[in-house]
Protein backbone atom coordinates (compact mmCIF):
# COMPACT_ATOMS: atom_id res chain seq x y z
CA MET A 1 -32.32 -102.19 1.36
CA SER A 2 -28.78 -103.91 1.30
CA THR A 3 -26.29 -102.78 -1.15
CA ASP A 4 -24.32 -106.00 -0.48
CA VAL A 5 -22.20 -107.37 -3.73
CA PRO A 6 -21.53 -110.95 -4.58
CA GLU A 7 -18.33 -112.55 -2.88
CA GLY A 8 -14.87 -111.98 -5.34
CA THR A 9 -16.37 -108.19 -6.27
CA ARG A 10 -15.64 -106.83 -2.79
CA GLU A 11 -13.36 -103.89 -4.01
CA ARG A 12 -13.98 -100.57 -1.96
CA PRO A 13 -16.70 -98.43 -3.96
CA LEU A 14 -15.84 -95.32 -5.69
CA LEU A 15 -18.94 -93.63 -3.76
CA GLU A 16 -20.76 -94.67 -1.34
CA LEU A 17 -23.67 -93.18 0.79
CA THR A 18 -24.79 -94.84 3.98
CA ASP A 19 -27.93 -94.10 6.06
CA VAL A 20 -28.36 -90.67 4.58
CA SER A 21 -30.79 -88.23 5.71
CA VAL A 22 -31.43 -84.51 4.44
CA THR A 23 -33.80 -82.14 5.75
CA TYR A 24 -34.76 -78.30 4.40
CA SER A 25 -35.84 -75.35 6.39
CA GLY A 26 -33.98 -75.92 9.63
CA GLY A 27 -35.16 -79.55 9.74
CA ALA A 28 -38.44 -78.72 8.99
CA VAL A 29 -38.74 -80.56 5.72
CA GLN A 30 -37.87 -84.18 5.48
CA ALA A 31 -36.20 -84.60 2.15
CA LEU A 32 -34.28 -87.88 2.21
CA GLN A 33 -34.30 -90.54 4.99
CA GLY A 34 -31.78 -93.37 5.43
CA ILE A 35 -30.79 -93.91 1.55
CA ASP A 36 -27.72 -96.43 0.96
CA LEU A 37 -26.16 -96.11 -2.63
CA VAL A 38 -22.86 -97.38 -4.20
CA VAL A 39 -21.12 -96.34 -7.38
CA ARG A 40 -18.63 -98.70 -8.12
CA ARG A 41 -15.45 -97.87 -10.53
CA GLY A 42 -16.59 -98.15 -14.24
CA GLN A 43 -20.26 -98.43 -13.44
CA ILE A 44 -23.26 -96.37 -15.04
CA VAL A 45 -25.81 -96.21 -11.93
CA VAL A 46 -29.50 -94.73 -12.42
CA LEU A 47 -31.27 -93.01 -9.83
CA LEU A 48 -35.38 -93.17 -10.81
CA GLY A 49 -38.23 -91.23 -8.88
CA VAL A 50 -41.05 -88.98 -9.36
CA ASN A 51 -40.02 -85.07 -9.03
CA GLY A 52 -40.06 -84.38 -5.29
CA ALA A 53 -38.82 -87.80 -4.79
CA GLY A 54 -34.96 -86.52 -3.47
CA LYS A 55 -33.19 -87.65 -6.56
CA THR A 56 -31.45 -83.86 -7.22
CA THR A 57 -31.40 -83.65 -3.08
CA THR A 58 -28.95 -87.01 -3.41
CA LEU A 59 -26.46 -85.02 -6.06
CA SER A 60 -26.54 -81.96 -3.72
CA ALA A 61 -25.56 -84.21 -0.75
CA ILE A 62 -22.80 -85.82 -2.96
CA SER A 63 -21.45 -82.33 -4.40
CA GLY A 64 -21.74 -80.45 -1.37
CA LEU A 65 -24.03 -78.14 -2.76
CA LEU A 66 -26.88 -78.84 -0.14
CA PRO A 67 -25.93 -75.53 2.23
CA TYR A 68 -26.73 -73.32 -1.07
CA SER A 69 -30.31 -74.59 -1.23
CA GLY A 70 -30.79 -74.60 2.40
CA GLY A 71 -30.47 -78.21 2.86
CA SER A 72 -28.56 -79.99 5.41
CA LEU A 73 -26.83 -83.75 5.63
CA ASP A 74 -28.54 -84.49 9.23
CA SER A 75 -27.16 -87.90 9.56
CA GLY A 76 -25.13 -90.92 7.35
CA ALA A 77 -21.88 -90.53 5.51
CA VAL A 78 -21.00 -89.59 1.96
CA LEU A 79 -17.53 -91.34 0.99
CA LEU A 80 -15.41 -90.97 -2.00
CA ASP A 81 -13.05 -93.77 -2.42
CA GLY A 82 -13.40 -94.53 1.52
CA GLN A 83 -12.95 -90.53 2.46
CA ASP A 84 -15.78 -88.91 4.34
CA LEU A 85 -16.55 -85.67 2.51
CA ARG A 86 -18.55 -84.47 5.06
CA GLY A 87 -16.73 -80.70 5.76
CA SER A 88 -15.37 -80.37 2.08
CA THR A 89 -16.25 -77.46 -0.19
CA PRO A 90 -18.17 -78.40 -3.50
CA ALA A 91 -14.59 -77.10 -4.71
CA ALA A 92 -12.54 -79.55 -2.99
CA ARG A 93 -15.20 -82.31 -4.14
CA VAL A 94 -14.13 -81.10 -7.79
CA GLN A 95 -10.54 -81.18 -6.99
CA ARG A 96 -11.11 -84.81 -5.85
CA GLY A 97 -12.93 -86.23 -9.16
CA ILE A 98 -16.62 -85.21 -8.55
CA SER A 99 -17.99 -83.17 -11.52
CA MET A 100 -21.77 -82.26 -12.03
CA VAL A 101 -23.86 -81.27 -14.79
CA MET A 102 -26.91 -79.70 -13.20
CA GLU A 103 -30.59 -79.78 -14.59
CA GLY A 104 -31.61 -76.97 -17.36
CA ARG A 105 -28.09 -76.41 -19.24
CA ARG A 106 -26.35 -74.14 -17.09
CA VAL A 107 -23.63 -73.09 -19.15
CA PHE A 108 -22.29 -69.26 -19.35
CA PRO A 109 -24.33 -67.80 -22.13
CA ASP A 110 -22.34 -64.57 -22.41
CA LEU A 111 -18.76 -66.49 -22.80
CA THR A 112 -17.65 -68.72 -25.98
CA VAL A 113 -17.86 -71.97 -25.99
CA GLU A 114 -14.11 -72.37 -25.77
CA GLU A 115 -14.27 -69.75 -22.68
CA ASN A 116 -16.57 -71.90 -21.01
CA LEU A 117 -14.70 -75.06 -21.50
CA ILE A 118 -11.49 -73.01 -20.09
CA ALA A 119 -13.79 -72.16 -17.00
CA GLY A 120 -14.54 -76.10 -16.65
CA GLY A 121 -10.80 -76.74 -16.31
CA PHE A 122 -10.52 -74.16 -13.29
CA SER A 123 -8.36 -76.11 -11.11
CA ARG A 124 -6.20 -77.99 -13.97
CA ALA A 125 -2.55 -76.52 -15.32
CA ALA A 126 -2.88 -74.67 -18.38
CA GLY A 127 -1.14 -77.48 -20.53
CA GLU A 128 -3.74 -79.95 -19.10
CA THR A 129 -6.69 -77.56 -19.89
CA ARG A 130 -5.67 -77.27 -23.56
CA GLU A 131 -4.86 -80.97 -24.15
CA THR A 132 -8.40 -81.97 -22.54
CA ARG A 133 -10.12 -78.91 -24.45
CA GLU A 134 -9.11 -80.54 -27.89
CA GLN A 135 -9.81 -83.93 -26.48
CA MET A 136 -13.67 -82.49 -25.90
CA TYR A 137 -13.62 -80.94 -29.39
CA GLY A 138 -12.62 -84.29 -30.65
CA MET A 139 -15.60 -85.82 -28.64
CA PHE A 140 -18.14 -83.24 -29.29
CA PRO A 141 -17.25 -82.18 -33.21
CA ILE A 142 -20.09 -79.02 -33.20
CA LEU A 143 -18.33 -77.57 -30.07
CA ALA A 144 -15.07 -77.70 -32.32
CA GLU A 145 -17.37 -75.62 -34.89
CA ARG A 146 -18.96 -73.32 -32.47
CA ARG A 147 -15.62 -72.66 -30.28
CA ARG A 148 -16.14 -68.94 -30.95
CA GLN A 149 -19.85 -68.65 -30.75
CA LEU A 150 -21.69 -67.14 -27.44
CA ALA A 151 -22.90 -70.20 -25.87
CA GLY A 152 -26.25 -68.70 -25.45
CA LEU A 153 -26.88 -68.71 -29.10
CA LEU A 154 -26.31 -72.58 -29.25
CA SER A 155 -29.53 -74.74 -29.46
CA GLY A 156 -30.83 -76.66 -26.79
CA GLY A 157 -29.02 -79.60 -27.62
CA GLU A 158 -25.34 -78.18 -28.28
CA GLN A 159 -25.85 -76.59 -24.74
CA GLN A 160 -26.42 -79.80 -23.08
CA MET A 161 -23.07 -80.71 -24.94
CA LEU A 162 -21.42 -77.89 -23.64
CA ALA A 163 -22.39 -78.48 -20.23
CA ILE A 164 -21.14 -82.27 -20.37
CA ALA A 165 -18.15 -81.26 -21.87
CA ARG A 166 -17.54 -78.34 -19.50
CA ALA A 167 -17.71 -80.91 -16.84
CA LEU A 168 -15.41 -83.45 -18.41
CA MET A 169 -12.64 -80.61 -18.56
CA GLN A 170 -11.85 -81.63 -14.63
CA ARG A 171 -11.27 -85.48 -15.93
CA PRO A 172 -13.44 -86.46 -12.99
CA THR A 173 -13.33 -89.89 -11.58
CA LEU A 174 -17.56 -89.56 -10.96
CA LEU A 175 -19.79 -87.75 -13.35
CA MET A 176 -23.17 -86.71 -12.23
CA LEU A 177 -25.76 -86.05 -14.43
CA ASP A 178 -29.23 -84.23 -13.58
CA GLU A 179 -32.03 -84.85 -16.68
CA PRO A 180 -29.42 -84.22 -19.33
CA SER A 181 -32.15 -85.19 -22.08
CA LEU A 182 -34.90 -83.10 -20.70
CA GLY A 183 -36.35 -81.08 -23.34
CA LEU A 184 -34.70 -82.24 -26.03
CA ALA A 185 -35.49 -83.97 -29.47
CA PRO A 186 -35.31 -87.54 -29.92
CA LEU A 187 -32.21 -87.60 -32.05
CA ILE A 188 -30.02 -85.42 -29.67
CA VAL A 189 -31.68 -87.86 -26.32
CA GLU A 190 -29.88 -90.61 -28.36
CA ARG A 191 -26.91 -88.98 -28.82
CA ILE A 192 -26.81 -88.22 -25.11
CA ARG A 193 -27.27 -91.94 -24.58
CA GLU A 194 -24.44 -92.45 -26.72
CA LEU A 195 -22.19 -89.79 -24.85
CA VAL A 196 -22.90 -91.24 -21.70
CA VAL A 197 -21.91 -94.55 -22.81
CA GLU A 198 -18.63 -93.20 -24.67
CA ILE A 199 -17.70 -91.47 -21.25
CA ASN A 200 -18.15 -94.65 -19.26
CA ALA A 201 -16.02 -96.70 -21.78
CA GLY A 202 -13.34 -93.88 -21.34
CA GLY A 203 -13.22 -95.02 -17.46
CA THR A 204 -15.10 -92.31 -15.65
CA SER A 205 -18.05 -93.94 -13.47
CA VAL A 206 -21.41 -92.14 -13.99
CA LEU A 207 -24.48 -91.45 -11.32
CA LEU A 208 -27.40 -90.51 -13.94
CA ILE A 209 -30.77 -89.09 -12.91
CA GLU A 210 -33.08 -89.38 -16.25
CA GLN A 211 -36.68 -88.70 -16.88
CA ASN A 212 -36.34 -91.03 -20.09
CA ALA A 213 -36.07 -94.27 -17.43
CA ALA A 214 -36.57 -96.84 -20.34
CA MET A 215 -33.26 -95.24 -21.95
CA ALA A 216 -31.71 -95.02 -18.60
CA LEU A 217 -31.96 -98.43 -17.34
CA SER A 218 -31.14 -99.78 -20.86
CA ILE A 219 -27.18 -98.64 -20.09
CA ALA A 220 -27.45 -99.00 -16.15
CA ASP A 221 -25.17 -101.56 -14.51
CA TYR A 222 -27.22 -100.62 -11.36
CA ALA A 223 -30.24 -98.77 -10.63
CA TYR A 224 -32.25 -97.37 -7.46
CA VAL A 225 -35.73 -96.08 -7.13
CA LEU A 226 -36.25 -93.12 -4.96
CA ASP A 227 -39.94 -93.29 -3.26
CA GLY A 228 -41.15 -91.36 0.02
CA LYS A 229 -37.62 -90.50 0.60
CA THR A 230 -36.23 -93.67 0.65
CA ILE A 231 -35.14 -96.15 -1.78
CA ALA A 232 -37.52 -98.57 -2.75
CA GLN A 233 -36.18 -100.71 -5.02
CA HIS A 234 -32.87 -101.44 -6.63
CA GLY A 235 -31.28 -103.95 -8.85
CA THR A 236 -29.46 -104.49 -12.12
CA GLY A 237 -30.83 -102.36 -15.18
CA ALA A 238 -32.22 -105.34 -16.80
CA GLU A 239 -33.95 -106.62 -13.57
CA LEU A 240 -35.71 -103.00 -12.88
CA LEU A 241 -36.63 -102.95 -16.83
CA ALA A 242 -38.39 -106.34 -16.37
CA ASP A 243 -40.08 -105.42 -13.08
CA THR A 244 -43.71 -105.10 -13.35
CA SER A 245 -43.96 -102.45 -10.83
CA VAL A 246 -40.96 -100.34 -12.11
CA GLN A 247 -42.58 -100.58 -15.54
CA GLU A 248 -46.01 -99.38 -14.02
CA LEU A 249 -44.68 -96.56 -11.61
CA TYR A 250 -41.47 -95.52 -13.61
CA LEU A 251 -41.70 -96.44 -17.06
CA GLY A 252 -44.75 -94.73 -17.77
CA ILE A 253 -46.33 -97.37 -19.32
CA ALA A 254 -50.03 -97.33 -19.57
CA GLY A 255 -52.50 -99.86 -21.05
CA GLU A 256 -53.68 -103.55 -20.57
CA GLY A 257 -53.63 -103.96 -16.69
CA ARG A 258 -51.34 -100.94 -16.24
CA ARG A 259 -51.58 -97.42 -15.03
CA SER A 260 -49.83 -94.37 -16.10
CA PHE A 261 -47.04 -93.34 -14.21
CA ARG A 262 -48.85 -90.39 -12.15
CA ALA A 263 -51.86 -92.39 -11.65
CA ALA A 264 -50.06 -95.49 -10.40
CA HIS A 265 -47.99 -93.31 -7.97
CA GLU A 266 -51.20 -91.39 -6.94
CA ALA A 267 -52.83 -94.75 -6.20
CA ARG A 268 -50.26 -96.07 -4.24
CA ALA A 269 -50.15 -93.11 -2.00
CA ARG A 270 -53.78 -93.76 -1.27
CA GLY A 271 -52.81 -96.87 -0.21
CA GLY A 272 -51.40 -99.09 -2.91
CA ALA A 273 -52.02 -99.81 -6.61
CA ARG A 274 -55.03 -102.08 -7.20
């Protein structure tokens, strides 16, 4: 689908994926087929879809991690600020402003909270790292309290906050989050939502994968739905929240005249929802 923007807002996107196709296992498994996606400066962009739709693969294509999971960018372009990232290592992409928080709260369990943050600022000068670390303690007070504690002893919510703070140590222009609320208590989920908004308000663009679609769309400037390896729908967060098919297929709304998330998706796979 077209990702054209209205006249008067045609500044160069921060991130642009054009006709991106990805395969695994030497081309035997098609994971993405011709997707287009844009993240503009200052935006929160959400990527929705069922498990296996290609959401994490999309982030891997952007971060440069595809080869490490047996994937290959077969066609298309991934552009950051207009420059093609093909051939750039993951470390080079971090230095160019892309940080990613992977699914599963992947902290270094045998390092302290502070050591995790220092590791996150690996490409920054010592003075910059110290300053940014203090900023992270201001944004995440619980991490300041736990700074000498081993990360492996933190609660799930605290580990997720540490993973986000560690990614922010690079002062990225684009922060990518893969299922940040997965498995967390409702109060922590709300805190994650607030943090995403706060991070974005500070000038960092956000590309968010989130299983809590209602929460994600409520803060999204723009959103895309991945289905069948392609972009099936896109629009503003408000537009997708109001879209009946998105409600049925991606918001898990069941009841009068509506199917559950899983049943609706299976019905589509059998030839369309009834």
